[in-house]
């Protein structure tokens, strides 16, 4: 979503260059935004969306100065404010000129770095929280003692089955998904069981859902995909804005505003590496 505050019209970037940059950013973000594959999405509500109504209040113990309070009940509505995320990157002017000529191999290495950083921040906030932003992550919210996944893939089916059983006993329906760190994902992808049967296929049958490569997650999580348990509230979805330029470089940024909340702590089981 593009708004005036992004100042894109002031950038010395032709239409072909903007299209390439937007497409490259989308491609590089999509694979890395693992948390979005596991939680409910609310939005995008736009840049002016500032907070989420929590449906709760805090009692106010005093009235404004100079007023009486004996017969008054006063409460303040509670909200969860959105936080803004901005990650800068640069693009070479010569590359943008090449894009206008039809080049499709422009160097967007710094954009790739920015997309990695931005996705990691969102993932970490969802999985492990962001205390300063008022966000408690899924790992910290889980109401179960953590289980051990370890590094021996032979034990993975038992650990995943135990996690899904905990969820079922709590009345949390599936399908379930396994979010796992990149290192753990590689172990699963490379492992086979007796007879050469891929471990990945066995685990997806236990889960009834996906295995998600999750940068920013320590260990793993088994979560319900029934919906309504985890909500990512987005004001402005990832957009690209303009900062400044000189004869050689254009400085741009990736920007997002969001918050996250867990509405059902029973809907996730944490698995540790050991």
C-alpha atoms as a PDB file:
ATOM      1  CA  UNK A   1       0.000   0.000   0.000  1.00  0.00           C
ATOM      2  CA  UNK A   2       1.559   3.311  -1.101  1.00  0.00           C
ATOM      3  CA  UNK A   3       0.776   6.575   0.640  1.00  0.00           C
ATOM      4  CA  UNK A   4       2.087  10.132   0.285  1.00  0.00           C
ATOM      5  CA  UNK A   5       4.341   9.853   3.334  1.00  0.00           C
ATOM      6  CA  UNK A   6       6.568   7.426   1.387  1.00  0.00           C
ATOM      7  CA  UNK A   7       7.663  10.332  -0.857  1.00  0.00           C
ATOM      8  CA  UNK A   8       8.160   8.030  -3.846  1.00  0.00           C
ATOM      9  CA  UNK A   9       7.432  10.790  -6.340  1.00  0.00           C
ATOM     10  CA  UNK A  10      10.610  12.579  -5.275  1.00  0.00           C
ATOM     11  CA  UNK A  11      12.886   9.658  -6.048  1.00  0.00           C
ATOM     12  CA  UNK A  12      14.864   9.719  -9.333  1.00  0.00           C
ATOM     13  CA  UNK A  13      13.535   6.279 -10.181  1.00  0.00           C
ATOM     14  CA  UNK A  14      11.757   5.554 -13.478  1.00  0.00           C
ATOM     15  CA  UNK A  15       8.639   3.405 -13.641  1.00  0.00           C
ATOM     16  CA  UNK A  16      10.580   0.322 -14.759  1.00  0.00           C
ATOM     17  CA  UNK A  17      12.941   0.722 -11.816  1.00  0.00           C
ATOM     18  CA  UNK A  18      10.118   1.027  -9.300  1.00  0.00           C
ATOM     19  CA  UNK A  19       8.443  -2.085 -10.698  1.00  0.00           C
ATOM     20  CA  UNK A  20      11.642  -4.076 -10.398  1.00  0.00           C
ATOM     21  CA  UNK A  21      12.274  -2.863  -6.842  1.00  0.00           C
ATOM     22  CA  UNK A  22       8.714  -3.599  -5.715  1.00  0.00           C
ATOM     23  CA  UNK A  23       8.760  -7.048  -7.346  1.00  0.00           C
ATOM     24  CA  UNK A  24      12.167  -7.897  -5.893  1.00  0.00           C
ATOM     25  CA  UNK A  25      11.082  -6.816  -2.414  1.00  0.00           C
ATOM     26  CA  UNK A  26       7.912  -8.905  -2.603  1.00  0.00           C
ATOM     27  CA  UNK A  27       9.792 -11.994  -3.771  1.00  0.00           C
ATOM     28  CA  UNK A  28      12.484 -11.661  -1.094  1.00  0.00           C
ATOM     29  CA  UNK A  29      10.027 -10.977   1.730  1.00  0.00           C
ATOM     30  CA  UNK A  30       7.422 -13.622   0.918  1.00  0.00           C
ATOM     31  CA  UNK A  31       9.630 -16.645   1.541  1.00  0.00           C
ATOM     32  CA  UNK A  32      11.026 -15.195   4.776  1.00  0.00           C
ATOM     33  CA  UNK A  33       7.827 -13.997   6.471  1.00  0.00           C
ATOM     34  CA  UNK A  34       7.230 -17.345   8.134  1.00  0.00           C
ATOM     35  CA  UNK A  35       5.036 -16.092  10.965  1.00  0.00           C
ATOM     36  CA  UNK A  36       2.380 -14.970   8.490  1.00  0.00           C
ATOM     37  CA  UNK A  37       1.858 -18.582   7.429  1.00  0.00           C
ATOM     38  CA  UNK A  38       0.923 -19.558  10.973  1.00  0.00           C
ATOM     39  CA  UNK A  39      -1.200 -16.728  12.368  1.00  0.00           C
ATOM     40  CA  UNK A  40      -4.358 -14.860  11.423  1.00  0.00           C
ATOM     41  CA  UNK A  41      -3.954 -11.658   9.433  1.00  0.00           C
ATOM     42  CA  UNK A  42      -5.864  -8.477  10.177  1.00  0.00           C
ATOM     43  CA  UNK A  43      -5.332  -5.667   7.679  1.00  0.00           C
ATOM     44  CA  UNK A  44      -3.753  -3.884   6.090  1.00  0.00           C
ATOM     45  CA  UNK A  45      -5.638  -1.026   7.738  1.00  0.00           C
ATOM     46  CA  UNK A  46      -3.451   1.794   6.424  1.00  0.00           C
ATOM     47  CA  UNK A  47      -0.749   4.076   7.737  1.00  0.00           C
ATOM     48  CA  UNK A  48      -3.104   5.997  10.052  1.00  0.00           C
ATOM     49  CA  UNK A  49      -4.212   2.852  11.916  1.00  0.00           C
ATOM     50  CA  UNK A  50      -2.545   3.259  15.305  1.00  0.00           C
ATOM     51  CA  UNK A  51      -3.908   0.705  17.773  1.00  0.00           C
ATOM     52  CA  UNK A  52      -5.987  -2.429  18.297  1.00  0.00           C
ATOM     53  CA  UNK A  53      -8.973  -2.429  20.636  1.00  0.00           C
ATOM     54  CA  UNK A  54      -8.423  -5.077  23.321  1.00  0.00           C
ATOM     55  CA  UNK A  55     -11.990  -4.928  24.633  1.00  0.00           C
ATOM     56  CA  UNK A  56     -10.800  -4.231  28.175  1.00  0.00           C
ATOM     57  CA  UNK A  57     -10.494  -1.279  30.508  1.00  0.00           C
ATOM     58  CA  UNK A  58      -8.340   0.016  33.336  1.00  0.00           C
ATOM     59  CA  UNK A  59     -10.015   1.692  36.306  1.00  0.00           C
ATOM     60  CA  UNK A  60      -9.278   5.380  36.844  1.00  0.00           C
ATOM     61  CA  UNK A  61      -8.978   6.107  40.542  1.00  0.00           C
ATOM     62  CA  UNK A  62      -9.142   9.906  40.341  1.00  0.00           C
ATOM     63  CA  UNK A  63     -11.190  12.493  38.483  1.00  0.00           C
ATOM     64  CA  UNK A  64      -9.751  15.507  36.655  1.00  0.00           C
ATOM     65  CA  UNK A  65      -8.436  18.181  39.055  1.00  0.00           C
ATOM     66  CA  UNK A  66     -11.189  20.340  40.461  1.00  0.00           C
ATOM     67  CA  UNK A  67     -13.992  17.767  40.071  1.00  0.00           C
ATOM     68  CA  UNK A  68     -15.707  15.395  42.497  1.00  0.00           C
ATOM     69  CA  UNK A  69     -15.402  11.626  42.198  1.00  0.00           C
ATOM     70  CA  UNK A  70     -17.659  10.091  44.876  1.00  0.00           C
ATOM     71  CA  UNK A  71     -20.443   8.789  42.613  1.00  0.00           C
ATOM     72  CA  UNK A  72     -18.445   8.334  39.430  1.00  0.00           C
ATOM     73  CA  UNK A  73     -17.074   5.140  37.928  1.00  0.00           C
ATOM     74  CA  UNK A  74     -14.355   5.959  35.417  1.00  0.00           C
ATOM     75  CA  UNK A  75     -12.457   3.586  33.162  1.00  0.00           C
ATOM     76  CA  UNK A  76      -9.937   3.974  30.395  1.00  0.00           C
ATOM     77  CA  UNK A  77     -10.121   1.779  27.306  1.00  0.00           C
ATOM     78  CA  UNK A  78      -7.106  -0.474  26.751  1.00  0.00           C
ATOM     79  CA  UNK A  79      -5.506  -0.717  23.332  1.00  0.00           C
ATOM     80  CA  UNK A  80      -2.373  -2.286  21.872  1.00  0.00           C
ATOM     81  CA  UNK A  81      -0.482   0.301  19.882  1.00  0.00           C
ATOM     82  CA  UNK A  82       1.057  -0.563  16.541  1.00  0.00           C
ATOM     83  CA  UNK A  83       4.824  -0.249  16.155  1.00  0.00           C
ATOM     84  CA  UNK A  84       6.528   1.101  13.059  1.00  0.00           C
ATOM     85  CA  UNK A  85       9.428  -0.729  11.458  1.00  0.00           C
ATOM     86  CA  UNK A  86      11.755   0.918   8.926  1.00  0.00           C
ATOM     87  CA  UNK A  87      14.859  -0.686   7.354  1.00  0.00           C
ATOM     88  CA  UNK A  88      16.989   1.399   4.982  1.00  0.00           C
ATOM     89  CA  UNK A  89      18.783   0.164   1.868  1.00  0.00           C
ATOM     90  CA  UNK A  90      20.472   1.643  -1.200  1.00  0.00           C
ATOM     91  CA  UNK A  91      20.240   1.098  -4.943  1.00  0.00           C
ATOM     92  CA  UNK A  92      22.845   2.242  -7.443  1.00  0.00           C
ATOM     93  CA  UNK A  93      21.675   4.929  -9.865  1.00  0.00           C
ATOM     94  CA  UNK A  94      23.469   3.163 -12.711  1.00  0.00           C
ATOM     95  CA  UNK A  95      21.453   0.031 -12.008  1.00  0.00           C
ATOM     96  CA  UNK A  96      18.198   1.972 -12.149  1.00  0.00           C
ATOM     97  CA  UNK A  97      19.227   3.410 -15.490  1.00  0.00           C
ATOM     98  CA  UNK A  98      19.947  -0.110 -16.724  1.00  0.00           C
ATOM     99  CA  UNK A  99      16.483  -1.187 -15.577  1.00  0.00           C
ATOM    100  CA  UNK A 100      14.981   1.580 -17.705  1.00  0.00           C
ATOM    101  CA  UNK A 101      16.902   0.194 -20.681  1.00  0.00           C
ATOM    102  CA  UNK A 102      15.379  -3.220 -20.075  1.00  0.00           C
ATOM    103  CA  UNK A 103      18.006  -4.907 -17.878  1.00  0.00           C
ATOM    104  CA  UNK A 104      16.593  -7.650 -15.651  1.00  0.00           C
ATOM    105  CA  UNK A 105      19.781  -8.477 -13.712  1.00  0.00           C
ATOM    106  CA  UNK A 106      20.185  -5.292 -11.664  1.00  0.00           C
ATOM    107  CA  UNK A 107      22.098  -5.761  -8.380  1.00  0.00           C
ATOM    108  CA  UNK A 108      19.645  -5.552  -5.479  1.00  0.00           C
ATOM    109  CA  UNK A 109      21.933  -7.069  -2.855  1.00  0.00           C
ATOM    110  CA  UNK A 110      21.261  -4.344  -0.288  1.00  0.00           C
ATOM    111  CA  UNK A 111      17.521  -4.723  -0.778  1.00  0.00           C
ATOM    112  CA  UNK A 112      17.960  -8.437  -0.082  1.00  0.00           C
ATOM    113  CA  UNK A 113      19.755  -7.586   3.170  1.00  0.00           C
ATOM    114  CA  UNK A 114      16.976  -5.178   4.168  1.00  0.00           C
ATOM    115  CA  UNK A 115      14.276  -7.753   3.372  1.00  0.00           C
ATOM    116  CA  UNK A 116      16.111 -10.312   5.505  1.00  0.00           C
ATOM    117  CA  UNK A 117      16.363  -7.894   8.447  1.00  0.00           C
ATOM    118  CA  UNK A 118      12.747  -6.732   8.197  1.00  0.00           C
ATOM    119  CA  UNK A 119      11.337 -10.258   7.977  1.00  0.00           C
ATOM    120  CA  UNK A 120      13.496 -11.392  10.890  1.00  0.00           C
ATOM    121  CA  UNK A 121      12.177  -8.579  13.090  1.00  0.00           C
ATOM    122  CA  UNK A 122       8.544  -9.436  12.356  1.00  0.00           C
ATOM    123  CA  UNK A 123       9.158 -13.162  12.857  1.00  0.00           C
ATOM    124  CA  UNK A 124      10.987 -12.636  16.142  1.00  0.00           C
ATOM    125  CA  UNK A 125       8.220 -10.369  17.424  1.00  0.00           C
ATOM    126  CA  UNK A 126       5.582 -13.008  16.692  1.00  0.00           C
ATOM    127  CA  UNK A 127       7.575 -15.998  17.931  1.00  0.00           C
ATOM    128  CA  UNK A 128       9.547 -14.538  20.846  1.00  0.00           C
ATOM    129  CA  UNK A 129       7.890 -11.199  21.546  1.00  0.00           C
ATOM    130  CA  UNK A 130       9.001  -7.582  21.568  1.00  0.00           C
ATOM    131  CA  UNK A 131       8.606  -6.334  25.163  1.00  0.00           C
ATOM    132  CA  UNK A 132       9.298  -2.678  24.387  1.00  0.00           C
ATOM    133  CA  UNK A 133       6.504  -2.766  21.794  1.00  0.00           C
ATOM    134  CA  UNK A 134       4.091  -4.454  24.197  1.00  0.00           C
ATOM    135  CA  UNK A 135       4.165  -7.729  22.243  1.00  0.00           C
ATOM    136  CA  UNK A 136       4.277 -11.114  23.931  1.00  0.00           C
ATOM    137  CA  UNK A 137       5.288 -13.860  21.514  1.00  0.00           C
ATOM    138  CA  UNK A 138       3.867 -17.327  20.978  1.00  0.00           C
ATOM    139  CA  UNK A 139       6.774 -19.045  22.759  1.00  0.00           C
ATOM    140  CA  UNK A 140       6.388 -16.995  25.937  1.00  0.00           C
ATOM    141  CA  UNK A 141       2.596 -17.286  25.852  1.00  0.00           C
ATOM    142  CA  UNK A 142       2.346 -21.075  25.560  1.00  0.00           C
ATOM    143  CA  UNK A 143       0.630 -22.589  28.590  1.00  0.00           C
ATOM    144  CA  UNK A 144       2.437 -25.954  28.359  1.00  0.00           C
ATOM    145  CA  UNK A 145       5.876 -26.975  29.634  1.00  0.00           C
ATOM    146  CA  UNK A 146       8.222 -27.093  26.653  1.00  0.00           C
ATOM    147  CA  UNK A 147       9.060 -30.447  25.055  1.00  0.00           C
ATOM    148  CA  UNK A 148      12.476 -31.526  23.830  1.00  0.00           C
ATOM    149  CA  UNK A 149      12.855 -31.958  20.092  1.00  0.00           C
ATOM    150  CA  UNK A 150      16.632 -32.342  20.108  1.00  0.00           C
ATOM    151  CA  UNK A 151      18.808 -32.995  17.074  1.00  0.00           C
ATOM    152  CA  UNK A 152      18.235 -36.724  16.598  1.00  0.00           C
ATOM    153  CA  UNK A 153      15.630 -36.854  13.829  1.00  0.00           C
ATOM    154  CA  UNK A 154      14.648 -40.408  14.806  1.00  0.00           C
ATOM    155  CA  UNK A 155      12.934 -38.890  17.847  1.00  0.00           C
ATOM    156  CA  UNK A 156      11.031 -36.237  15.886  1.00  0.00           C
ATOM    157  CA  UNK A 157       7.846 -38.225  15.136  1.00  0.00           C
ATOM    158  CA  UNK A 158       7.376 -39.047  18.836  1.00  0.00           C
ATOM    159  CA  UNK A 159       7.967 -35.427  19.910  1.00  0.00           C
ATOM    160  CA  UNK A 160       5.570 -34.036  17.296  1.00  0.00           C
ATOM    161  CA  UNK A 161       2.915 -36.620  18.121  1.00  0.00           C
ATOM    162  CA  UNK A 162       3.232 -35.772  21.825  1.00  0.00           C
ATOM    163  CA  UNK A 163       2.780 -32.078  21.042  1.00  0.00           C
ATOM    164  CA  UNK A 164      -0.327 -32.643  18.922  1.00  0.00           C
ATOM    165  CA  UNK A 165      -1.735 -34.902  21.649  1.00  0.00           C
ATOM    166  CA  UNK A 166      -1.309 -32.106  24.205  1.00  0.00           C
ATOM    167  CA  UNK A 167      -3.267 -29.768  21.949  1.00  0.00           C
ATOM    168  CA  UNK A 168      -6.058 -32.292  21.393  1.00  0.00           C
ATOM    169  CA  UNK A 169      -6.363 -32.992  25.119  1.00  0.00           C
ATOM    170  CA  UNK A 170      -6.817 -29.262  25.669  1.00  0.00           C
ATOM    171  CA  UNK A 171      -9.634 -29.195  23.120  1.00  0.00           C
ATOM    172  CA  UNK A 172      -7.557 -27.382  20.505  1.00  0.00           C
ATOM    173  CA  UNK A 173      -8.507 -28.678  17.087  1.00  0.00           C
ATOM    174  CA  UNK A 174      -6.212 -29.028  14.073  1.00  0.00           C
ATOM    175  CA  UNK A 175      -4.906 -29.033  11.511  1.00  0.00           C
ATOM    176  CA  UNK A 176      -1.542 -28.379  13.125  1.00  0.00           C
ATOM    177  CA  UNK A 177       1.627 -26.912  11.705  1.00  0.00           C
ATOM    178  CA  UNK A 178       5.257 -27.264  12.696  1.00  0.00           C
ATOM    179  CA  UNK A 179       7.315 -24.061  12.614  1.00  0.00           C
ATOM    180  CA  UNK A 180      11.000 -24.888  12.877  1.00  0.00           C
ATOM    181  CA  UNK A 181      14.285 -23.013  12.734  1.00  0.00           C
ATOM    182  CA  UNK A 182      16.260 -23.126   9.469  1.00  0.00           C
ATOM    183  CA  UNK A 183      18.759 -25.555  11.016  1.00  0.00           C
ATOM    184  CA  UNK A 184      16.002 -27.888  12.167  1.00  0.00           C
ATOM    185  CA  UNK A 185      14.211 -27.596   8.832  1.00  0.00           C
ATOM    186  CA  UNK A 186      17.362 -28.753   7.049  1.00  0.00           C
ATOM    187  CA  UNK A 187      17.601 -31.771   9.350  1.00  0.00           C
ATOM    188  CA  UNK A 188      14.007 -32.709   8.578  1.00  0.00           C
ATOM    189  CA  UNK A 189      14.412 -32.199   4.821  1.00  0.00           C
ATOM    190  CA  UNK A 190      17.508 -34.387   4.667  1.00  0.00           C
ATOM    191  CA  UNK A 191      16.316 -37.223   6.932  1.00  0.00           C
ATOM    192  CA  UNK A 192      14.771 -40.489   5.858  1.00  0.00           C
ATOM    193  CA  UNK A 193      13.324 -43.300   7.919  1.00  0.00           C
ATOM    194  CA  UNK A 194      13.680 -47.045   7.459  1.00  0.00           C
ATOM    195  CA  UNK A 195      12.944 -48.030   3.899  1.00  0.00           C
ATOM    196  CA  UNK A 196      13.914 -44.591   2.645  1.00  0.00           C
ATOM    197  CA  UNK A 197      10.595 -42.957   3.602  1.00  0.00           C
ATOM    198  CA  UNK A 198      11.085 -39.180   3.953  1.00  0.00           C
ATOM    199  CA  UNK A 199      10.773 -37.915   7.511  1.00  0.00           C
ATOM    200  CA  UNK A 200       9.009 -34.806   6.222  1.00  0.00           C
ATOM    201  CA  UNK A 201       6.130 -36.896   4.864  1.00  0.00           C
ATOM    202  CA  UNK A 202       5.739 -38.739   8.166  1.00  0.00           C
ATOM    203  CA  UNK A 203       5.619 -35.501  10.158  1.00  0.00           C
ATOM    204  CA  UNK A 204       3.057 -33.844   7.869  1.00  0.00           C
ATOM    205  CA  UNK A 205       0.779 -36.859   8.317  1.00  0.00           C
ATOM    206  CA  UNK A 206       1.026 -36.527  12.102  1.00  0.00           C
ATOM    207  CA  UNK A 207       0.336 -32.807  11.920  1.00  0.00           C
ATOM    208  CA  UNK A 208      -2.308 -32.814   9.229  1.00  0.00           C
ATOM    209  CA  UNK A 209      -0.633 -29.584   8.093  1.00  0.00           C
ATOM    210  CA  UNK A 210       2.563 -27.922   6.934  1.00  0.00           C
ATOM    211  CA  UNK A 211       6.161 -27.741   8.078  1.00  0.00           C
ATOM    212  CA  UNK A 212       7.244 -24.093   7.930  1.00  0.00           C
ATOM    213  CA  UNK A 213      10.836 -22.875   7.512  1.00  0.00           C
ATOM    214  CA  UNK A 214      10.958 -20.173  10.166  1.00  0.00           C
ATOM    215  CA  UNK A 215      13.898 -17.752  10.312  1.00  0.00           C
ATOM    216  CA  UNK A 216      14.007 -16.040  13.701  1.00  0.00           C
ATOM    217  CA  UNK A 217      12.533 -18.957  15.630  1.00  0.00           C
ATOM    218  CA  UNK A 218      14.668 -20.687  18.253  1.00  0.00           C
ATOM    219  CA  UNK A 219      13.821 -24.385  18.236  1.00  0.00           C
ATOM    220  CA  UNK A 220      10.322 -25.223  17.012  1.00  0.00           C
ATOM    221  CA  UNK A 221       6.610 -24.762  17.637  1.00  0.00           C
ATOM    222  CA  UNK A 222       3.576 -26.918  16.994  1.00  0.00           C
ATOM    223  CA  UNK A 223       0.590 -24.634  16.534  1.00  0.00           C
ATOM    224  CA  UNK A 224      -3.060 -25.054  15.669  1.00  0.00           C
ATOM    225  CA  UNK A 225      -4.162 -23.683  12.303  1.00  0.00           C
ATOM    226  CA  UNK A 226      -7.864 -23.669  13.231  1.00  0.00           C
ATOM    227  CA  UNK A 227      -7.811 -19.859  13.364  1.00  0.00           C
ATOM    228  CA  UNK A 228      -8.545 -17.186  15.949  1.00  0.00           C
ATOM    229  CA  UNK A 229      -5.653 -17.994  18.295  1.00  0.00           C
ATOM    230  CA  UNK A 230      -2.883 -15.688  17.041  1.00  0.00           C
ATOM    231  CA  UNK A 231      -3.530 -12.327  15.367  1.00  0.00           C
ATOM    232  CA  UNK A 232      -1.092 -10.162  13.434  1.00  0.00           C
ATOM    233  CA  UNK A 233      -2.660  -6.712  13.077  1.00  0.00           C
ATOM    234  CA  UNK A 234      -1.078  -4.725  10.252  1.00  0.00           C
ATOM    235  CA  UNK A 235      -1.571  -1.044   9.586  1.00  0.00           C
ATOM    236  CA  UNK A 236       0.674  -0.484   6.611  1.00  0.00           C
ATOM    237  CA  UNK A 237       1.988  -3.639   5.020  1.00  0.00           C
ATOM    238  CA  UNK A 238       5.573  -3.640   3.802  1.00  0.00           C
ATOM    239  CA  UNK A 239       6.048  -0.689   1.442  1.00  0.00           C
ATOM    240  CA  UNK A 240       9.057   1.071  -0.021  1.00  0.00           C
ATOM    241  CA  UNK A 241       9.717   4.754   0.573  1.00  0.00           C
ATOM    242  CA  UNK A 242      12.317   7.290  -0.488  1.00  0.00           C
ATOM    243  CA  UNK A 243      14.835   9.069   1.750  1.00  0.00           C
ATOM    244  CA  UNK A 244      17.470  10.817  -0.395  1.00  0.00           C
ATOM    245  CA  UNK A 245      19.854  10.397  -3.308  1.00  0.00           C
ATOM    246  CA  UNK A 246      23.138  11.618  -4.733  1.00  0.00           C
ATOM    247  CA  UNK A 247      24.900  11.044  -8.063  1.00  0.00           C
ATOM    248  CA  UNK A 248      25.635   7.398  -7.286  1.00  0.00           C
ATOM    249  CA  UNK A 249      23.105   6.013  -4.807  1.00  0.00           C
ATOM    250  CA  UNK A 250      19.416   6.248  -3.996  1.00  0.00           C
ATOM    251  CA  UNK A 251      18.557   5.578  -0.349  1.00  0.00           C
ATOM    252  CA  UNK A 252      15.197   3.861   0.143  1.00  0.00           C
ATOM    253  CA  UNK A 253      13.559   1.960   2.991  1.00  0.00           C
ATOM    254  CA  UNK A 254      11.168  -0.883   3.718  1.00  0.00           C
ATOM    255  CA  UNK A 255       8.437   0.125   6.152  1.00  0.00           C
ATOM    256  CA  UNK A 256       5.682  -1.660   8.049  1.00  0.00           C
ATOM    257  CA  UNK A 257       3.424  -0.981  11.047  1.00  0.00           C
ATOM    258  CA  UNK A 258       2.035  -3.881  13.086  1.00  0.00           C
ATOM    259  CA  UNK A 259       1.260  -5.454  16.422  1.00  0.00           C
ATOM    260  CA  UNK A 260       0.652  -9.037  17.485  1.00  0.00           C
ATOM    261  CA  UNK A 261      -1.348 -10.753  20.205  1.00  0.00           C
ATOM    262  CA  UNK A 262      -2.058 -14.278  21.388  1.00  0.00           C
ATOM    263  CA  UNK A 263      -5.714 -14.895  22.206  1.00  0.00           C
ATOM    264  CA  UNK A 264      -5.378 -18.590  23.131  1.00  0.00           C
ATOM    265  CA  UNK A 265      -2.175 -19.630  24.940  1.00  0.00           C
ATOM    266  CA  UNK A 266      -3.278 -23.287  24.773  1.00  0.00           C
ATOM    267  CA  UNK A 267      -2.927 -23.326  20.960  1.00  0.00           C
ATOM    268  CA  UNK A 268       0.871 -23.748  20.776  1.00  0.00           C
ATOM    269  CA  UNK A 269       3.458 -26.167  22.137  1.00  0.00           C
ATOM    270  CA  UNK A 270       7.128 -25.169  22.308  1.00  0.00           C
ATOM    271  CA  UNK A 271       9.834 -27.660  21.329  1.00  0.00           C
ATOM    272  CA  UNK A 272      13.442 -26.961  22.228  1.00  0.00           C
ATOM    273  CA  UNK A 273      16.673 -28.200  20.662  1.00  0.00           C
ATOM    274  CA  UNK A 274      17.739 -29.786  23.913  1.00  0.00           C
END
